[in-house]
Amino acid sequence: MALASVNLSDHQGQSVPQSTLFQPRPVPRLRHKSKSTSRTFYRTSVKAVTSTLSAHNVIQYCLSSLRKADIDSFKEHFPPNRLKLGSEERQVLIVGGKPCIEDGPLAHFVDVLDPGARRVLPAHLLRRCQVLSSLQLGPTSFVQRTAITARAGEEAVLIWTLTQQDGRWCVDSIKRDESFDFPLPSRPHPRASPESIILAQLAALQKADLHDACKYMLFPGARPGSQLPKLMHSFMQGPSQLLINHTEAKLGKASLASLQRMTQEAKVLPLPDIALEDSNRAQTFVWHMCMRDSGCWMVQSIEAVAS
């Protein structure tokens, strides 16, 4: 068997022992990693750990669990019997007077998470999370605002409310901070929420700027602005004309058919006009939203709800 060559130039001025030339290089031993890591310990004894966690750390554990889509670990941070539905049950929400089936990883958290939280938290970008403010309201109440970036790019601020029960901090609710929608986006963007897209379109309709309102509509296969005549025609007849120059608008209930589809209810108070029937009371509309491949939320259709 041939021996491997040795470069003696590396040992100039030094004596090279015979054993060094022919002794095989020792193989470094790999340290065996124990399976009982802190992460595994947290999963197996989560109730014991949560009893000693601060309110801030509970939120961090929740964010870490949702980044990995670990719903079971996330669920442990809620009070007993706080979640009314099982993981296999379907939640039905009434939006615009019609039943909508809620779907998605956090569908059975509808009683404690609003649509914005259920939308941005699954598989969010953990490294972009940032604590904006924290407030201890009392010995058993804690509130924190956290900036979140969804997997698709949507940016949101969530308000976490925690209460202390049985000696440990538990999540009471997680809601999206609506004030973060302003200033409204001038066009669809992956960072913009679907709620802000609806509000931006309503602002354009309030000024009767149909060209600007058209930017938020989804017309598959059509060039931007090419469907403006069709959009103008749809807004100038039926209940949709109440959206033009309306006085006030307020978003209502919402439901997620998936992480890429949302149904949003809005009540619009039209401009008083004796020529239009029912122009003196609020009219309910439903926005059907969908996410494009680019991550932008856009308006798929607007439906007027019969009184």
C-alpha atoms as a PDB file:
ATOM      1  CA  MET A   1       0.000   0.000   0.000  1.00  0.00           C
ATOM      2  CA  ALA A   2       1.441   3.401  -1.027  1.00  0.00           C
ATOM      3  CA  LEU A   3       2.060   5.961   1.641  1.00  0.00           C
ATOM      4  CA  ALA A   4       0.756   9.513   1.371  1.00  0.00           C
ATOM      5  CA  SER A   5       3.401  12.110   0.564  1.00  0.00           C
ATOM      6  CA  VAL A   6       4.459  14.529   3.269  1.00  0.00           C
ATOM      7  CA  ASN A   7       5.493  18.108   2.539  1.00  0.00           C
ATOM      8  CA  LEU A   8       8.674  18.533   4.538  1.00  0.00           C
ATOM      9  CA  SER A   9       8.895  22.200   3.657  1.00  0.00           C
ATOM     10  CA  ASP A  10       6.345  22.847   6.379  1.00  0.00           C
ATOM     11  CA  HIS A  11       8.868  21.578   8.936  1.00  0.00           C
ATOM     12  CA  GLN A  12      11.969  23.439   7.828  1.00  0.00           C
ATOM     13  CA  GLY A  13      14.468  23.813  10.654  1.00  0.00           C
ATOM     14  CA  GLN A  14      12.627  21.253  12.751  1.00  0.00           C
ATOM     15  CA  SER A  15      13.151  17.567  13.195  1.00  0.00           C
ATOM     16  CA  VAL A  16      10.281  15.454  12.001  1.00  0.00           C
ATOM     17  CA  PRO A  17       9.855  12.291  14.031  1.00  0.00           C
ATOM     18  CA  GLN A  18       9.388   9.062  12.125  1.00  0.00           C
ATOM     19  CA  SER A  19       6.166   8.415  13.948  1.00  0.00           C
ATOM     20  CA  THR A  20       4.780  11.731  12.718  1.00  0.00           C
ATOM     21  CA  LEU A  21       5.387  10.889   9.075  1.00  0.00           C
ATOM     22  CA  PHE A  22       3.573   7.578   9.091  1.00  0.00           C
ATOM     23  CA  GLN A  23       1.070   7.973  11.880  1.00  0.00           C
ATOM     24  CA  PRO A  24      -2.480   8.429  10.513  1.00  0.00           C
ATOM     25  CA  ARG A  25      -4.173  11.729  11.271  1.00  0.00           C
ATOM     26  CA  PRO A  26      -6.467  11.356  14.254  1.00  0.00           C
ATOM     27  CA  VAL A  27     -10.153  11.638  13.469  1.00  0.00           C
ATOM     28  CA  PRO A  28     -11.834  14.326  15.608  1.00  0.00           C
ATOM     29  CA  ARG A  29     -14.530  12.911  17.817  1.00  0.00           C
ATOM     30  CA  LEU A  30     -17.949  14.419  17.415  1.00  0.00           C
ATOM     31  CA  ARG A  31     -19.642  15.490  20.590  1.00  0.00           C
ATOM     32  CA  HIS A  32     -22.921  13.722  21.046  1.00  0.00           C
ATOM     33  CA  LYS A  33     -25.811  16.147  21.341  1.00  0.00           C
ATOM     34  CA  SER A  34     -28.264  15.248  24.012  1.00  0.00           C
ATOM     35  CA  LYS A  35     -31.841  14.914  22.891  1.00  0.00           C
ATOM     36  CA  SER A  36     -33.031  16.530  26.091  1.00  0.00           C
ATOM     37  CA  THR A  37     -32.609  20.133  24.979  1.00  0.00           C
ATOM     38  CA  SER A  38     -34.317  23.124  26.506  1.00  0.00           C
ATOM     39  CA  ARG A  39     -36.703  23.230  23.557  1.00  0.00           C
ATOM     40  CA  THR A  40     -37.790  19.647  24.182  1.00  0.00           C
ATOM     41  CA  PHE A  41     -38.058  20.355  27.914  1.00  0.00           C
ATOM     42  CA  TYR A  42     -40.372  23.273  27.167  1.00  0.00           C
ATOM     43  CA  ARG A  43     -42.655  21.087  25.085  1.00  0.00           C
ATOM     44  CA  THR A  44     -42.886  18.325  27.667  1.00  0.00           C
ATOM     45  CA  SER A  45     -43.352  20.497  30.753  1.00  0.00           C
ATOM     46  CA  VAL A  46     -44.866  23.682  29.356  1.00  0.00           C
ATOM     47  CA  LYS A  47     -47.271  24.207  32.246  1.00  0.00           C
ATOM     48  CA  ALA A  48     -44.466  24.060  34.782  1.00  0.00           C
ATOM     49  CA  VAL A  49     -42.442  26.562  32.761  1.00  0.00           C
ATOM     50  CA  THR A  50     -45.279  29.024  32.119  1.00  0.00           C
ATOM     51  CA  SER A  51     -45.980  29.303  35.836  1.00  0.00           C
ATOM     52  CA  THR A  52     -42.596  31.012  36.262  1.00  0.00           C
ATOM     53  CA  LEU A  53     -42.595  33.126  33.074  1.00  0.00           C
ATOM     54  CA  SER A  54     -43.092  36.868  33.099  1.00  0.00           C
ATOM     55  CA  ALA A  55     -45.789  38.411  30.925  1.00  0.00           C
ATOM     56  CA  HIS A  56     -43.186  39.623  28.432  1.00  0.00           C
ATOM     57  CA  ASN A  57     -41.640  36.151  28.161  1.00  0.00           C
ATOM     58  CA  VAL A  58     -45.035  34.570  27.599  1.00  0.00           C
ATOM     59  CA  ILE A  59     -45.480  36.749  24.520  1.00  0.00           C
ATOM     60  CA  GLN A  60     -42.008  35.767  23.303  1.00  0.00           C
ATOM     61  CA  TYR A  61     -42.832  32.085  23.713  1.00  0.00           C
ATOM     62  CA  CYS A  62     -46.088  32.598  21.787  1.00  0.00           C
ATOM     63  CA  LEU A  63     -44.280  34.347  18.935  1.00  0.00           C
ATOM     64  CA  SER A  64     -41.666  31.594  18.803  1.00  0.00           C
ATOM     65  CA  SER A  65     -44.333  28.876  18.735  1.00  0.00           C
ATOM     66  CA  LEU A  66     -46.329  30.564  15.963  1.00  0.00           C
ATOM     67  CA  ARG A  67     -43.197  31.085  13.874  1.00  0.00           C
ATOM     68  CA  LYS A  68     -42.841  27.283  13.805  1.00  0.00           C
ATOM     69  CA  ALA A  69     -46.618  26.773  13.436  1.00  0.00           C
ATOM     70  CA  ASP A  70     -46.602  24.969  16.788  1.00  0.00           C
ATOM     71  CA  ILE A  71     -50.262  25.540  17.628  1.00  0.00           C
ATOM     72  CA  ASP A  72     -50.248  23.099  20.564  1.00  0.00           C
ATOM     73  CA  SER A  73     -47.535  25.039  22.411  1.00  0.00           C
ATOM     74  CA  PHE A  74     -49.279  28.325  21.612  1.00  0.00           C
ATOM     75  CA  LYS A  75     -52.548  26.983  23.015  1.00  0.00           C
ATOM     76  CA  GLU A  76     -50.935  26.269  26.399  1.00  0.00           C
ATOM     77  CA  HIS A  77     -50.651  29.999  27.111  1.00  0.00           C
ATOM     78  CA  PHE A  78     -54.430  30.497  27.274  1.00  0.00           C
ATOM     79  CA  PRO A  79     -56.606  29.980  30.350  1.00  0.00           C
ATOM     80  CA  PRO A  80     -58.454  26.662  30.625  1.00  0.00           C
ATOM     81  CA  ASN A  81     -61.718  26.562  28.661  1.00  0.00           C
ATOM     82  CA  ARG A  82     -60.840  29.880  26.968  1.00  0.00           C
ATOM     83  CA  LEU A  83     -60.966  28.192  23.545  1.00  0.00           C
ATOM     84  CA  LYS A  84     -64.496  26.978  22.928  1.00  0.00           C
ATOM     85  CA  LEU A  85     -63.824  24.978  19.763  1.00  0.00           C
ATOM     86  CA  GLY A  86     -61.714  21.893  19.243  1.00  0.00           C
ATOM     87  CA  SER A  87     -59.035  21.709  16.594  1.00  0.00           C
ATOM     88  CA  GLU A  88     -61.300  19.652  14.315  1.00  0.00           C
ATOM     89  CA  GLU A  89     -64.400  21.853  14.561  1.00  0.00           C
ATOM     90  CA  ARG A  90     -65.252  24.497  11.979  1.00  0.00           C
ATOM     91  CA  GLN A  91     -66.108  28.030  13.000  1.00  0.00           C
ATOM     92  CA  VAL A  92     -68.902  29.839  11.167  1.00  0.00           C
ATOM     93  CA  LEU A  93     -68.989  33.640  11.328  1.00  0.00           C
ATOM     94  CA  ILE A  94     -71.792  35.907  10.153  1.00  0.00           C
ATOM     95  CA  VAL A  95     -70.417  38.639   7.893  1.00  0.00           C
ATOM     96  CA  GLY A  96     -72.849  40.894   6.060  1.00  0.00           C
ATOM     97  CA  GLY A  97     -75.736  38.692   7.160  1.00  0.00           C
ATOM     98  CA  LYS A  98     -74.265  35.610   5.478  1.00  0.00           C
ATOM     99  CA  PRO A  99     -72.487  32.648   7.085  1.00  0.00           C
ATOM    100  CA  CYS A 100     -68.767  32.422   6.325  1.00  0.00           C
ATOM    101  CA  ILE A 101     -66.634  29.414   7.211  1.00  0.00           C
ATOM    102  CA  GLU A 102     -63.449  30.446   8.973  1.00  0.00           C
ATOM    103  CA  ASP A 103     -60.366  28.517   7.887  1.00  0.00           C
ATOM    104  CA  GLY A 104     -56.639  28.661   8.485  1.00  0.00           C
ATOM    105  CA  PRO A 105     -54.160  27.546  11.159  1.00  0.00           C
ATOM    106  CA  LEU A 106     -55.751  29.769  13.846  1.00  0.00           C
ATOM    107  CA  ALA A 107     -59.380  29.334  12.823  1.00  0.00           C
ATOM    108  CA  HIS A 108     -60.469  28.019  16.242  1.00  0.00           C
ATOM    109  CA  PHE A 109     -59.001  31.092  18.005  1.00  0.00           C
ATOM    110  CA  VAL A 110     -61.733  33.444  16.747  1.00  0.00           C
ATOM    111  CA  ASP A 111     -62.849  34.281  20.289  1.00  0.00           C
ATOM    112  CA  VAL A 112     -59.430  35.572  21.355  1.00  0.00           C
ATOM    113  CA  LEU A 113     -57.689  36.638  18.108  1.00  0.00           C
ATOM    114  CA  ASP A 114     -59.187  39.150  15.689  1.00  0.00           C
ATOM    115  CA  PRO A 115     -58.909  38.579  11.895  1.00  0.00           C
ATOM    116  CA  GLY A 116     -55.718  40.621  11.630  1.00  0.00           C
ATOM    117  CA  ALA A 117     -53.935  38.563  14.290  1.00  0.00           C
ATOM    118  CA  ARG A 118     -55.152  35.280  12.806  1.00  0.00           C
ATOM    119  CA  ARG A 119     -53.850  36.441   9.421  1.00  0.00           C
ATOM    120  CA  VAL A 120     -50.328  37.668  10.215  1.00  0.00           C
ATOM    121  CA  LEU A 121     -49.188  35.410  13.061  1.00  0.00           C
ATOM    122  CA  PRO A 122     -48.933  31.973  11.351  1.00  0.00           C
ATOM    123  CA  ALA A 123     -45.311  31.446  10.225  1.00  0.00           C
ATOM    124  CA  HIS A 124     -44.513  35.145  10.732  1.00  0.00           C
ATOM    125  CA  LEU A 125     -40.969  36.517  10.437  1.00  0.00           C
ATOM    126  CA  LEU A 126     -39.740  36.216  14.017  1.00  0.00           C
ATOM    127  CA  ARG A 127     -36.525  38.197  13.517  1.00  0.00           C
ATOM    128  CA  ARG A 128     -38.497  41.280  12.480  1.00  0.00           C
ATOM    129  CA  CYS A 129     -40.631  41.331  15.614  1.00  0.00           C
ATOM    130  CA  GLN A 130     -40.174  44.415  17.744  1.00  0.00           C
ATOM    131  CA  VAL A 131     -41.679  45.411  21.071  1.00  0.00           C
ATOM    132  CA  LEU A 132     -43.050  48.939  20.727  1.00  0.00           C
ATOM    133  CA  SER A 133     -44.467  49.529  24.192  1.00  0.00           C
ATOM    134  CA  SER A 134     -45.475  47.689  27.359  1.00  0.00           C
ATOM    135  CA  LEU A 135     -47.776  48.704  30.184  1.00  0.00           C
ATOM    136  CA  GLN A 136     -48.462  47.017  33.514  1.00  0.00           C
ATOM    137  CA  LEU A 137     -52.070  47.988  34.241  1.00  0.00           C
ATOM    138  CA  GLY A 138     -52.086  46.298  37.630  1.00  0.00           C
ATOM    139  CA  PRO A 139     -50.826  43.247  39.476  1.00  0.00           C
ATOM    140  CA  THR A 140     -52.882  40.948  37.235  1.00  0.00           C
ATOM    141  CA  SER A 141     -53.070  42.809  33.898  1.00  0.00           C
ATOM    142  CA  PHE A 142     -50.434  43.487  31.221  1.00  0.00           C
ATOM    143  CA  VAL A 143     -50.618  45.046  27.734  1.00  0.00           C
ATOM    144  CA  GLN A 144     -47.927  45.079  25.043  1.00  0.00           C
ATOM    145  CA  ARG A 145     -47.775  46.418  21.474  1.00  0.00           C
ATOM    146  CA  THR A 146     -45.627  44.363  19.124  1.00  0.00           C
ATOM    147  CA  ALA A 147     -44.702  45.020  15.494  1.00  0.00           C
ATOM    148  CA  ILE A 148     -45.198  41.901  13.361  1.00  0.00           C
ATOM    149  CA  THR A 149     -44.274  41.085   9.772  1.00  0.00           C
ATOM    150  CA  ALA A 150     -46.330  38.337   8.153  1.00  0.00           C
ATOM    151  CA  ARG A 151     -44.782  35.676   5.983  1.00  0.00           C
ATOM    152  CA  ALA A 152     -46.187  37.340   2.849  1.00  0.00           C
ATOM    153  CA  GLY A 153     -44.808  40.746   3.895  1.00  0.00           C
ATOM    154  CA  GLU A 154     -47.797  42.408   5.548  1.00  0.00           C
ATOM    155  CA  GLU A 155     -46.792  44.632   8.460  1.00  0.00           C
ATOM    156  CA  ALA A 156     -49.006  45.020  11.494  1.00  0.00           C
ATOM    157  CA  VAL A 157     -48.965  46.091  15.125  1.00  0.00           C
ATOM    158  CA  LEU A 158     -50.649  43.690  17.533  1.00  0.00           C
ATOM    159  CA  ILE A 159     -51.973  44.537  20.980  1.00  0.00           C
ATOM    160  CA  TRP A 160     -51.471  41.681  23.437  1.00  0.00           C
ATOM    161  CA  THR A 161     -53.580  41.632  26.602  1.00  0.00           C
ATOM    162  CA  LEU A 162     -52.487  39.234  29.332  1.00  0.00           C
ATOM    163  CA  THR A 163     -54.053  38.458  32.698  1.00  0.00           C
ATOM    164  CA  GLN A 164     -52.668  36.530  35.630  1.00  0.00           C
ATOM    165  CA  GLN A 165     -54.665  33.459  36.571  1.00  0.00           C
ATOM    166  CA  ASP A 166     -53.756  30.685  38.994  1.00  0.00           C
ATOM    167  CA  GLY A 167     -50.316  32.204  39.495  1.00  0.00           C
ATOM    168  CA  ARG A 168     -49.316  32.375  35.814  1.00  0.00           C
ATOM    169  CA  TRP A 169     -49.679  34.865  32.966  1.00  0.00           C
ATOM    170  CA  CYS A 170     -52.204  33.869  30.283  1.00  0.00           C
ATOM    171  CA  VAL A 171     -53.101  35.455  26.954  1.00  0.00           C
ATOM    172  CA  ASP A 172     -56.543  37.048  27.107  1.00  0.00           C
ATOM    173  CA  SER A 173     -56.704  38.571  23.607  1.00  0.00           C
ATOM    174  CA  ILE A 174     -54.603  39.614  20.602  1.00  0.00           C
ATOM    175  CA  LYS A 175     -55.918  42.391  18.387  1.00  0.00           C
ATOM    176  CA  ARG A 176     -54.571  44.393  15.479  1.00  0.00           C
ATOM    177  CA  ASP A 177     -53.881  48.069  16.125  1.00  0.00           C
ATOM    178  CA  GLU A 178     -56.126  49.820  13.588  1.00  0.00           C
ATOM    179  CA  SER A 179     -54.244  53.101  13.899  1.00  0.00           C
ATOM    180  CA  PHE A 180     -51.291  51.466  12.108  1.00  0.00           C
ATOM    181  CA  ASP A 181     -53.321  51.548   8.844  1.00  0.00           C
ATOM    182  CA  PHE A 182     -52.685  55.296   8.546  1.00  0.00           C
ATOM    183  CA  PRO A 183     -51.442  56.911   6.426  1.00  0.00           C
ATOM    184  CA  LEU A 184     -53.416  54.918   3.887  1.00  0.00           C
ATOM    185  CA  PRO A 185     -51.516  53.232   1.047  1.00  0.00           C
ATOM    186  CA  SER A 186     -51.555  55.023  -2.304  1.00  0.00           C
ATOM    187  CA  ARG A 187     -51.512  51.677  -4.141  1.00  0.00           C
ATOM    188  CA  PRO A 188     -51.546  47.944  -3.326  1.00  0.00           C
ATOM    189  CA  HIS A 189     -48.349  46.836  -1.628  1.00  0.00           C
ATOM    190  CA  PRO A 190     -47.288  43.625   0.188  1.00  0.00           C
ATOM    191  CA  ARG A 191     -46.816  45.622   3.398  1.00  0.00           C
ATOM    192  CA  ALA A 192     -50.395  46.970   3.300  1.00  0.00           C
ATOM    193  CA  SER A 193     -53.175  45.177   5.156  1.00  0.00           C
ATOM    194  CA  PRO A 194     -56.466  44.333   3.418  1.00  0.00           C
ATOM    195  CA  GLU A 195     -58.245  46.672   5.837  1.00  0.00           C
ATOM    196  CA  SER A 196     -56.051  49.584   4.736  1.00  0.00           C
ATOM    197  CA  ILE A 197     -56.721  48.750   1.068  1.00  0.00           C
ATOM    198  CA  ILE A 198     -60.484  48.912   1.697  1.00  0.00           C
ATOM    199  CA  LEU A 199     -60.166  52.188   3.596  1.00  0.00           C
ATOM    200  CA  ALA A 200     -58.014  53.654   0.815  1.00  0.00           C
ATOM    201  CA  GLN A 201     -60.602  52.696  -1.786  1.00  0.00           C
ATOM    202  CA  LEU A 202     -63.389  54.146   0.364  1.00  0.00           C
ATOM    203  CA  ALA A 203     -61.427  57.384   0.669  1.00  0.00           C
ATOM    204  CA  ALA A 204     -61.169  57.554  -3.131  1.00  0.00           C
ATOM    205  CA  LEU A 205     -64.895  56.855  -3.530  1.00  0.00           C
ATOM    206  CA  GLN A 206     -65.719  59.519  -0.965  1.00  0.00           C
ATOM    207  CA  LYS A 207     -63.960  62.028  -3.230  1.00  0.00           C
ATOM    208  CA  ALA A 208     -65.667  60.481  -6.301  1.00  0.00           C
ATOM    209  CA  ASP A 209     -62.213  59.636  -7.672  1.00  0.00           C
ATOM    210  CA  LEU A 210     -63.099  56.449  -9.552  1.00  0.00           C
ATOM    211  CA  HIS A 211     -59.762  56.375 -11.330  1.00  0.00           C
ATOM    212  CA  ASP A 212     -57.976  56.142  -7.975  1.00  0.00           C
ATOM    213  CA  ALA A 213     -60.505  53.613  -6.640  1.00  0.00           C
ATOM    214  CA  CYS A 214     -59.841  51.398  -9.646  1.00  0.00           C
ATOM    215  CA  LYS A 215     -56.209  50.896  -8.583  1.00  0.00           C
ATOM    216  CA  TYR A 216     -57.297  48.648  -5.714  1.00  0.00           C
ATOM    217  CA  MET A 217     -59.556  46.399  -7.829  1.00  0.00           C
ATOM    218  CA  LEU A 218     -58.384  43.057  -9.152  1.00  0.00           C
ATOM    219  CA  PHE A 219     -59.018  42.531 -12.866  1.00  0.00           C
ATOM    220  CA  PRO A 220     -57.249  39.297 -13.907  1.00  0.00           C
ATOM    221  CA  GLY A 221     -55.538  39.610 -17.253  1.00  0.00           C
ATOM    222  CA  ALA A 222     -56.409  43.288 -17.680  1.00  0.00           C
ATOM    223  CA  ARG A 223     -54.108  46.283 -17.812  1.00  0.00           C
ATOM    224  CA  PRO A 224     -54.355  48.715 -14.871  1.00  0.00           C
ATOM    225  CA  GLY A 225     -57.015  51.308 -15.609  1.00  0.00           C
ATOM    226  CA  SER A 226     -58.436  49.466 -18.630  1.00  0.00           C
ATOM    227  CA  GLN A 227     -61.503  48.427 -16.630  1.00  0.00           C
ATOM    228  CA  LEU A 228     -62.296  51.960 -15.482  1.00  0.00           C
ATOM    229  CA  PRO A 229     -65.394  52.375 -17.705  1.00  0.00           C
ATOM    230  CA  LYS A 230     -66.784  49.091 -16.406  1.00  0.00           C
ATOM    231  CA  LEU A 231     -66.088  50.116 -12.822  1.00  0.00           C
ATOM    232  CA  MET A 232     -67.693  53.528 -13.310  1.00  0.00           C
ATOM    233  CA  HIS A 233     -70.789  51.907 -14.739  1.00  0.00           C
ATOM    234  CA  SER A 234     -71.097  49.545 -11.769  1.00  0.00           C
ATOM    235  CA  PHE A 235     -70.800  52.403  -9.279  1.00  0.00           C
ATOM    236  CA  MET A 236     -73.363  54.584 -11.020  1.00  0.00           C
ATOM    237  CA  GLN A 237     -76.272  52.172 -10.611  1.00  0.00           C
ATOM    238  CA  GLY A 238     -77.973  50.315  -7.788  1.00  0.00           C
ATOM    239  CA  PRO A 239     -76.883  50.536  -4.153  1.00  0.00           C
ATOM    240  CA  SER A 240     -73.235  50.959  -5.176  1.00  0.00           C
ATOM    241  CA  GLN A 241     -73.883  54.585  -6.076  1.00  0.00           C
ATOM    242  CA  LEU A 242     -74.281  55.249  -2.344  1.00  0.00           C
ATOM    243  CA  LEU A 243     -70.514  54.821  -2.052  1.00  0.00           C
ATOM    244  CA  ILE A 244     -69.881  57.923  -4.153  1.00  0.00           C
ATOM    245  CA  ASN A 245     -69.399  61.000  -1.965  1.00  0.00           C
ATOM    246  CA  HIS A 246     -70.454  59.052   1.124  1.00  0.00           C
ATOM    247  CA  THR A 247     -70.336  60.802   4.489  1.00  0.00           C
ATOM    248  CA  GLU A 248     -68.751  58.140   6.699  1.00  0.00           C
ATOM    249  CA  ALA A 249     -67.622  54.522   6.574  1.00  0.00           C
ATOM    250  CA  LYS A 250     -66.725  52.050   9.300  1.00  0.00           C
ATOM    251  CA  LEU A 251     -65.348  48.523   9.033  1.00  0.00           C
ATOM    252  CA  GLY A 252     -67.218  45.735  10.797  1.00  0.00           C
ATOM    253  CA  LYS A 253     -66.843  41.974  11.094  1.00  0.00           C
ATOM    254  CA  ALA A 254     -64.469  39.951   8.944  1.00  0.00           C
ATOM    255  CA  SER A 255     -63.770  36.314   8.189  1.00  0.00           C
ATOM    256  CA  LEU A 256     -60.806  34.482   6.671  1.00  0.00           C
ATOM    257  CA  ALA A 257     -61.635  31.741   4.186  1.00  0.00           C
ATOM    258  CA  SER A 258     -57.860  31.173   4.049  1.00  0.00           C
ATOM    259  CA  LEU A 259     -54.692  33.168   4.646  1.00  0.00           C
ATOM    260  CA  GLN A 260     -55.131  34.562   1.101  1.00  0.00           C
ATOM    261  CA  ARG A 261     -58.872  35.297   1.104  1.00  0.00           C
ATOM    262  CA  MET A 262     -60.900  37.531   3.387  1.00  0.00           C
ATOM    263  CA  THR A 263     -64.464  38.817   3.588  1.00  0.00           C
ATOM    264  CA  GLN A 264     -64.861  42.231   5.219  1.00  0.00           C
ATOM    265  CA  GLU A 265     -68.069  43.970   6.219  1.00  0.00           C
ATOM    266  CA  ALA A 266     -68.373  47.759   6.160  1.00  0.00           C
ATOM    267  CA  LYS A 267     -71.178  50.146   7.000  1.00  0.00           C
ATOM    268  CA  VAL A 268     -71.348  53.236   4.825  1.00  0.00           C
ATOM    269  CA  LEU A 269     -73.378  56.345   5.602  1.00  0.00           C
ATOM    270  CA  PRO A 270     -74.251  57.874   2.224  1.00  0.00           C
ATOM    271  CA  LEU A 271     -74.584  61.541   1.394  1.00  0.00           C
ATOM    272  CA  PRO A 272     -78.190  62.584   2.105  1.00  0.00           C
ATOM    273  CA  ASP A 273     -80.071  62.863  -1.174  1.00  0.00           C
ATOM    274  CA  ILE A 274     -83.841  63.001  -1.510  1.00  0.00           C
ATOM    275  CA  ALA A 275     -83.542  61.463  -4.987  1.00  0.00           C
ATOM    276  CA  LEU A 276     -81.999  58.259  -3.650  1.00  0.00           C
ATOM    277  CA  GLU A 277     -83.942  55.744  -1.617  1.00  0.00           C
ATOM    278  CA  ASP A 278     -82.466  54.761   1.782  1.00  0.00           C
ATOM    279  CA  SER A 279     -79.858  57.524   1.520  1.00  0.00           C
ATOM    280  CA  ASN A 280     -80.564  58.634   5.074  1.00  0.00           C
ATOM    281  CA  ARG A 281     -79.335  55.467   6.798  1.00  0.00           C
ATOM    282  CA  ALA A 282     -76.205  53.359   6.761  1.00  0.00           C
ATOM    283  CA  GLN A 283     -75.856  50.788   4.005  1.00  0.00           C
ATOM    284  CA  THR A 284     -73.930  47.543   4.550  1.00  0.00           C
ATOM    285  CA  PHE A 285     -71.420  46.408   1.966  1.00  0.00           C
ATOM    286  CA  VAL A 286     -69.148  43.361   1.857  1.00  0.00           C
ATOM    287  CA  TRP A 287     -65.655  43.510   0.363  1.00  0.00           C
ATOM    288  CA  HIS A 288     -64.273  40.250  -0.988  1.00  0.00           C
ATOM    289  CA  MET A 289     -60.488  40.438  -0.761  1.00  0.00           C
ATOM    290  CA  CYS A 290     -57.793  38.177  -2.174  1.00  0.00           C
ATOM    291  CA  MET A 291     -54.020  38.138  -2.140  1.00  0.00           C
ATOM    292  CA  ARG A 292     -52.100  38.088  -5.402  1.00  0.00           C
ATOM    293  CA  ASP A 293     -48.915  36.100  -5.993  1.00  0.00           C
ATOM    294  CA  SER A 294     -46.950  39.282  -5.309  1.00  0.00           C
ATOM    295  CA  GLY A 295     -48.349  39.364  -1.753  1.00  0.00           C
ATOM    296  CA  CYS A 296     -50.579  42.384  -2.420  1.00  0.00           C
ATOM    297  CA  TRP A 297     -54.124  42.390  -1.086  1.00  0.00           C
ATOM    298  CA  MET A 298     -56.657  43.586  -3.668  1.00  0.00           C
ATOM    299  CA  VAL A 299     -60.430  44.004  -3.930  1.00  0.00           C
ATOM    300  CA  GLN A 300     -61.997  41.172  -5.873  1.00  0.00           C
ATOM    301  CA  SER A 301     -65.590  42.413  -5.656  1.00  0.00           C
ATOM    302  CA  ILE A 302     -67.914  44.644  -3.621  1.00  0.00           C
ATOM    303  CA  GLU A 303     -71.338  43.328  -2.695  1.00  0.00           C
ATOM    304  CA  ALA A 304     -74.231  45.389  -1.377  1.00  0.00           C
ATOM    305  CA  VAL A 305     -76.185  43.694   1.405  1.00  0.00           C
ATOM    306  CA  ALA A 306     -79.957  43.975   1.181  1.00  0.00           C
ATOM    307  CA  SER A 307     -81.529  45.797   4.108  1.00  0.00           C
END
